[in-house]
C-alpha atoms as a PDB file:
ATOM      1  CA  MET A   1       0.000   0.000   0.000  1.00  0.00           C
ATOM      2  CA  LYS A   2       1.155   3.473  -0.795  1.00  0.00           C
ATOM      3  CA  SER A   3       0.239   6.809   0.770  1.00  0.00           C
ATOM      4  CA  ASN A   4      -0.943   9.878  -1.113  1.00  0.00           C
ATOM      5  CA  SER A   5       2.631  11.054  -1.628  1.00  0.00           C
ATOM      6  CA  GLY A   6       3.645   7.803  -3.231  1.00  0.00           C
ATOM      7  CA  ASP A   7       5.823   6.553  -0.345  1.00  0.00           C
ATOM      8  CA  PRO A   8       5.154   3.171   1.223  1.00  0.00           C
ATOM      9  CA  LEU A   9       2.864   3.365   4.293  1.00  0.00           C
ATOM     10  CA  TYR A  10       5.336   1.589   6.606  1.00  0.00           C
ATOM     11  CA  ILE A  11       7.811   4.500   6.184  1.00  0.00           C
ATOM     12  CA  HIS A  12       5.180   6.941   7.495  1.00  0.00           C
ATOM     13  CA  ILE A  13       4.381   4.649  10.437  1.00  0.00           C
ATOM     14  CA  ILE A  14       8.091   4.340  11.327  1.00  0.00           C
ATOM     15  CA  LEU A  15       8.484   8.130  11.152  1.00  0.00           C
ATOM     16  CA  TYR A  16       5.434   8.711  13.414  1.00  0.00           C
ATOM     17  CA  VAL A  17       6.795   6.209  15.964  1.00  0.00           C
ATOM     18  CA  ALA A  18      10.227   7.860  15.852  1.00  0.00           C
ATOM     19  CA  ILE A  19       8.641  11.300  16.401  1.00  0.00           C
ATOM     20  CA  ALA A  20       6.668   9.960  19.396  1.00  0.00           C
ATOM     21  CA  ILE A  21       9.768   8.342  20.938  1.00  0.00           C
ATOM     22  CA  LEU A  22      11.863  11.487  20.451  1.00  0.00           C
ATOM     23  CA  THR A  23       9.064  13.608  21.984  1.00  0.00           C
ATOM     24  CA  VAL A  24       9.010  11.404  25.090  1.00  0.00           C
ATOM     25  CA  ILE A  25      12.817  11.577  25.391  1.00  0.00           C
ATOM     26  CA  LEU A  26      12.747  15.359  24.983  1.00  0.00           C
ATOM     27  CA  ILE A  27      10.109  15.751  27.714  1.00  0.00           C
ATOM     28  CA  LYS A  28      12.136  13.533  30.054  1.00  0.00           C
ATOM     29  CA  VAL A  29      15.424  15.359  29.411  1.00  0.00           C
ATOM     30  CA  ALA A  30      14.023  18.903  29.351  1.00  0.00           C
ATOM     31  CA  ILE A  31      11.362  18.751  32.081  1.00  0.00           C
ATOM     32  CA  ILE A  32      11.502  15.699  34.349  1.00  0.00           C
ATOM     33  CA  ASP A  33      15.272  15.268  34.891  1.00  0.00           C
ATOM     34  CA  PRO A  34      15.964  18.937  35.812  1.00  0.00           C
ATOM     35  CA  LYS A  35      13.229  18.763  38.468  1.00  0.00           C
ATOM     36  CA  ASP A  36      14.951  15.751  40.015  1.00  0.00           C
ATOM     37  CA  VAL A  37      18.327  17.496  39.933  1.00  0.00           C
ATOM     38  CA  VAL A  38      16.873  20.605  41.570  1.00  0.00           C
ATOM     39  CA  ALA A  39      15.141  18.513  44.251  1.00  0.00           C
ATOM     40  CA  VAL A  40      18.364  16.642  45.093  1.00  0.00           C
ATOM     41  CA  GLU A  41      20.342  19.895  45.196  1.00  0.00           C
ATOM     42  CA  LYS A  42      17.741  21.491  47.496  1.00  0.00           C
ATOM     43  CA  TYR A  43      17.839  18.451  49.816  1.00  0.00           C
ATOM     44  CA  ASN A  44      21.655  18.497  49.954  1.00  0.00           C
ATOM     45  CA  LYS A  45      21.742  22.217  50.729  1.00  0.00           C
ATOM     46  CA  ASN A  46      19.093  22.032  53.474  1.00  0.00           C
ATOM     47  CA  GLU A  47      20.555  18.879  55.021  1.00  0.00           C
ATOM     48  CA  SER A  48      24.082  20.293  55.016  1.00  0.00           C
ATOM     49  CA  ARG A  49      22.954  23.521  56.652  1.00  0.00           C
ATOM     50  CA  LEU A  50      21.036  21.586  59.318  1.00  0.00           C
ATOM     51  CA  ARG A  51      24.170  19.562  60.065  1.00  0.00           C
ATOM     52  CA  MET A  52      26.304  22.701  60.195  1.00  0.00           C
ATOM     53  CA  ASP A  53      23.811  24.371  62.582  1.00  0.00           C
ATOM     54  CA  ASN A  54      24.024  21.312  64.821  1.00  0.00           C
ATOM     55  CA  ILE A  55      27.841  21.454  64.743  1.00  0.00           C
ATOM     56  CA  LYS A  56      27.580  25.125  65.737  1.00  0.00           C
ATOM     57  CA  GLU A  57      25.323  24.237  68.682  1.00  0.00           C
ATOM     58  CA  ALA A  58      27.722  21.469  69.702  1.00  0.00           C
ATOM     59  CA  GLN A  59      30.618  23.933  69.575  1.00  0.00           C
ATOM     60  CA  ILE A  60      28.710  26.381  71.794  1.00  0.00           C
ATOM     61  CA  ILE A  61      28.016  23.654  74.369  1.00  0.00           C
ATOM     62  CA  TYR A  62      31.636  22.470  74.162  1.00  0.00           C
ATOM     63  CA  GLN A  63      32.852  26.021  74.802  1.00  0.00           C
ATOM     64  CA  ARG A  64      30.505  26.432  77.766  1.00  0.00           C
ATOM     65  CA  LYS A  65      31.984  23.337  79.381  1.00  0.00           C
ATOM     66  CA  HIS A  66      35.663  23.540  78.373  1.00  0.00           C
ATOM     67  CA  GLY A  67      36.190  27.274  77.816  1.00  0.00           C
ATOM     68  CA  ASN A  68      37.311  26.950  74.192  1.00  0.00           C
ATOM     69  CA  PHE A  69      36.224  25.524  70.851  1.00  0.00           C
ATOM     70  CA  THR A  70      37.588  22.336  69.302  1.00  0.00           C
ATOM     71  CA  ASP A  71      38.756  21.492  65.795  1.00  0.00           C
ATOM     72  CA  ASN A  72      38.260  17.739  66.230  1.00  0.00           C
ATOM     73  CA  LEU A  73      34.948  16.570  64.749  1.00  0.00           C
ATOM     74  CA  ASP A  74      35.355  13.051  66.135  1.00  0.00           C
ATOM     75  CA  GLY A  75      35.944  14.428  69.624  1.00  0.00           C
ATOM     76  CA  LEU A  76      32.990  16.786  69.273  1.00  0.00           C
ATOM     77  CA  ILE A  77      30.694  13.926  68.211  1.00  0.00           C
ATOM     78  CA  SER A  78      31.945  11.812  71.111  1.00  0.00           C
ATOM     79  CA  PHE A  79      31.300  14.760  73.444  1.00  0.00           C
ATOM     80  CA  ILE A  80      27.710  15.066  72.183  1.00  0.00           C
ATOM     81  CA  LYS A  81      27.036  11.352  72.539  1.00  0.00           C
ATOM     82  CA  ASN A  82      28.705  10.621  75.883  1.00  0.00           C
ATOM     83  CA  ASP A  83      28.953  13.718  78.061  1.00  0.00           C
ATOM     84  CA  PRO A  84      26.366  14.087  80.873  1.00  0.00           C
ATOM     85  CA  PHE A  85      26.562  17.892  80.518  1.00  0.00           C
ATOM     86  CA  VAL A  86      25.169  17.599  76.982  1.00  0.00           C
ATOM     87  CA  ASP A  87      22.468  15.181  78.171  1.00  0.00           C
ATOM     88  CA  SER A  88      21.364  17.647  80.822  1.00  0.00           C
ATOM     89  CA  ILE A  89      21.029  20.406  78.207  1.00  0.00           C
ATOM     90  CA  VAL A  90      19.252  18.195  75.655  1.00  0.00           C
ATOM     91  CA  ASN A  91      16.764  16.864  78.209  1.00  0.00           C
ATOM     92  CA  SER A  92      16.015  20.204  79.895  1.00  0.00           C
ATOM     93  CA  PHE A  93      12.881  22.312  79.468  1.00  0.00           C
ATOM     94  CA  ASP A  94      12.408  26.040  79.151  1.00  0.00           C
ATOM     95  CA  SER A  95      10.405  27.034  82.225  1.00  0.00           C
ATOM     96  CA  LEU A  96       8.677  29.940  80.498  1.00  0.00           C
ATOM     97  CA  THR A  97       7.444  28.206  77.364  1.00  0.00           C
ATOM     98  CA  MET A  98       7.464  24.636  78.745  1.00  0.00           C
ATOM     99  CA  ARG A  99       9.195  23.532  75.558  1.00  0.00           C
ATOM    100  CA  SER A 100      12.287  21.434  75.183  1.00  0.00           C
ATOM    101  CA  ALA A 101      15.540  23.378  75.410  1.00  0.00           C
ATOM    102  CA  ASN A 102      17.246  20.906  73.078  1.00  0.00           C
ATOM    103  CA  PRO A 103      19.546  23.056  70.896  1.00  0.00           C
ATOM    104  CA  PHE A 104      19.923  20.401  68.191  1.00  0.00           C
ATOM    105  CA  SER A 105      17.646  20.464  65.147  1.00  0.00           C
ATOM    106  CA  PRO A 106      16.263  17.244  63.714  1.00  0.00           C
ATOM    107  CA  LEU A 107      17.694  16.372  60.316  1.00  0.00           C
ATOM    108  CA  SER A 108      15.644  15.764  57.184  1.00  0.00           C
ATOM    109  CA  HIS A 109      14.848  12.186  58.176  1.00  0.00           C
ATOM    110  CA  GLY A 110      13.202  13.462  61.371  1.00  0.00           C
ATOM    111  CA  GLU A 111      15.730  12.901  64.152  1.00  0.00           C
ATOM    112  CA  PHE A 112      19.107  14.162  65.283  1.00  0.00           C
ATOM    113  CA  THR A 113      21.975  11.707  64.804  1.00  0.00           C
ATOM    114  CA  PRO A 114      25.397  12.865  66.038  1.00  0.00           C
ATOM    115  CA  GLU A 115      27.265  10.524  63.655  1.00  0.00           C
ATOM    116  CA  SER A 116      25.876  12.434  60.662  1.00  0.00           C
ATOM    117  CA  LEU A 117      27.676  15.638  61.667  1.00  0.00           C
ATOM    118  CA  LYS A 118      31.032  14.488  60.335  1.00  0.00           C
ATOM    119  CA  PHE A 119      30.237  14.208  56.616  1.00  0.00           C
ATOM    120  CA  THR A 120      28.417  16.303  54.033  1.00  0.00           C
ATOM    121  CA  PRO A 121      25.325  14.784  52.403  1.00  0.00           C
ATOM    122  CA  LYS A 122      26.340  15.532  48.818  1.00  0.00           C
ATOM    123  CA  SER A 123      29.905  14.286  48.455  1.00  0.00           C
ATOM    124  CA  ASN A 124      30.283  12.508  51.813  1.00  0.00           C
ATOM    125  CA  ALA A 125      33.404  14.617  52.453  1.00  0.00           C
ATOM    126  CA  MET A 126      34.345  15.773  55.942  1.00  0.00           C
ATOM    127  CA  TYR A 127      33.381  19.275  56.999  1.00  0.00           C
ATOM    128  CA  VAL A 128      36.331  21.642  57.357  1.00  0.00           C
ATOM    129  CA  LEU A 129      36.623  22.704  61.003  1.00  0.00           C
ATOM    130  CA  GLN A 130      39.422  25.001  62.189  1.00  0.00           C
ATOM    131  CA  ILE A 131      40.135  26.943  65.374  1.00  0.00           C
ATOM    132  CA  ASP A 132      42.276  30.012  65.896  1.00  0.00           C
ATOM    133  CA  THR A 133      45.549  30.133  67.744  1.00  0.00           C
ATOM    134  CA  SER A 134      46.737  33.382  69.271  1.00  0.00           C
ATOM    135  CA  VAL A 135      50.169  34.006  70.729  1.00  0.00           C
ATOM    136  CA  ALA A 136      50.707  36.845  73.209  1.00  0.00           C
ATOM    137  CA  ILE A 137      54.286  37.768  74.094  1.00  0.00           C
ATOM    138  CA  ASP A 138      54.900  39.873  77.205  1.00  0.00           C
ATOM    139  CA  THR A 139      58.405  41.152  77.834  1.00  0.00           C
ATOM    140  CA  THR A 140      59.531  42.420  81.227  1.00  0.00           C
ATOM    141  CA  VAL A 141      62.383  44.969  81.150  1.00  0.00           C
ATOM    142  CA  ASN A 142      64.290  46.253  84.212  1.00  0.00           C
ATOM    143  CA  ARG A 143      65.312  49.905  84.845  1.00  0.00           C
ATOM    144  CA  ARG A 144      68.565  49.452  82.975  1.00  0.00           C
ATOM    145  CA  GLY A 145      66.800  48.321  79.810  1.00  0.00           C
ATOM    146  CA  ARG A 146      67.682  44.660  80.093  1.00  0.00           C
ATOM    147  CA  VAL A 147      65.139  42.003  79.341  1.00  0.00           C
ATOM    148  CA  VAL A 148      64.362  40.161  82.564  1.00  0.00           C
ATOM    149  CA  LYS A 149      61.869  37.648  81.227  1.00  0.00           C
ATOM    150  CA  VAL A 150      59.653  36.927  78.288  1.00  0.00           C
ATOM    151  CA  ASP A 151      56.254  35.400  78.930  1.00  0.00           C
ATOM    152  CA  THR A 152      54.549  33.702  76.023  1.00  0.00           C
ATOM    153  CA  THR A 153      50.887  32.817  76.269  1.00  0.00           C
ATOM    154  CA  ILE A 154      49.306  30.624  73.623  1.00  0.00           C
ATOM    155  CA  GLU A 155      45.525  30.568  73.478  1.00  0.00           C
ATOM    156  CA  TYR A 156      43.641  27.998  71.415  1.00  0.00           C
ATOM    157  CA  GLY A 157      40.063  27.949  70.283  1.00  0.00           C
ATOM    158  CA  THR A 158      38.587  31.351  71.003  1.00  0.00           C
ATOM    159  CA  ARG A 159      37.026  31.342  67.510  1.00  0.00           C
ATOM    160  CA  TYR A 160      36.268  28.630  64.972  1.00  0.00           C
ATOM    161  CA  TYR A 161      35.549  28.321  61.273  1.00  0.00           C
ATOM    162  CA  LEU A 162      33.300  25.630  59.785  1.00  0.00           C
ATOM    163  CA  GLU A 163      33.033  25.177  56.016  1.00  0.00           C
ATOM    164  CA  ASP A 164      31.060  22.848  53.786  1.00  0.00           C
ATOM    165  CA  PRO A 165      33.449  21.557  51.097  1.00  0.00           C
ATOM    166  CA  ASP A 166      30.498  21.309  48.689  1.00  0.00           C
ATOM    167  CA  GLY A 167      29.961  25.077  48.862  1.00  0.00           C
ATOM    168  CA  TYR A 168      26.732  25.322  50.867  1.00  0.00           C
ATOM    169  CA  GLY A 169      28.062  27.839  53.362  1.00  0.00           C
ATOM    170  CA  THR A 170      30.302  28.610  56.318  1.00  0.00           C
ATOM    171  CA  ILE A 171      29.912  29.368  60.011  1.00  0.00           C
ATOM    172  CA  GLY A 172      32.222  31.574  62.047  1.00  0.00           C
ATOM    173  CA  ASP A 173      35.480  33.289  61.249  1.00  0.00           C
ATOM    174  CA  LEU A 174      39.022  32.883  62.553  1.00  0.00           C
ATOM    175  CA  ASP A 175      39.863  36.590  62.422  1.00  0.00           C
ATOM    176  CA  ASN A 176      36.667  38.476  63.218  1.00  0.00           C
ATOM    177  CA  GLU A 177      35.083  38.199  66.676  1.00  0.00           C
ATOM    178  CA  ALA A 178      31.841  39.723  65.344  1.00  0.00           C
ATOM    179  CA  LEU A 179      31.316  36.721  63.053  1.00  0.00           C
ATOM    180  CA  LYS A 180      31.642  34.121  65.827  1.00  0.00           C
ATOM    181  CA  ASN A 181      28.794  31.566  65.463  1.00  0.00           C
ATOM    182  CA  THR A 182      27.404  33.437  62.448  1.00  0.00           C
ATOM    183  CA  ALA A 183      26.312  31.414  59.416  1.00  0.00           C
ATOM    184  CA  SER A 184      26.908  32.762  55.936  1.00  0.00           C
ATOM    185  CA  TRP A 185      23.280  32.105  54.918  1.00  0.00           C
ATOM    186  CA  GLU A 186      21.702  34.038  57.816  1.00  0.00           C
END
């Protein structure tokens, strides 16, 4: 059988099927796949920022107990899991609002898990956590101008810097006291 243009009918059927298949592929590539990519990117960004907020809260509790911040994520996670001081804060209630005073936010799956604070959700890389080190040198000079003694004081962990290696933000600053505990997305 031939069509009106003189071509065999099976050629027209094959062309119509090819057009339908290419239309479906185009819809998938242009509309459906980008939505999935955007949804995954949004999840990774929100999850990473929740984890970084929880690391910030852990650092604040650590500083309240020890007087300085830490740059050891494993030690910080162990502190959250095992220290009775943290348990007392997590299980306390605000007497005015009668709400939990738990500083940790639940993650996307609905609960707070300390083990998740070490790695980013996107690339599973470790968060970058650094503390500052300041050195103060005090020189004592006698009346004749001779140096009697030199006192050196090294102070660790008065500020910290937390960075997501996937680029979803930072918290804190090593040089600026005004940016202590401040997130880049706030």
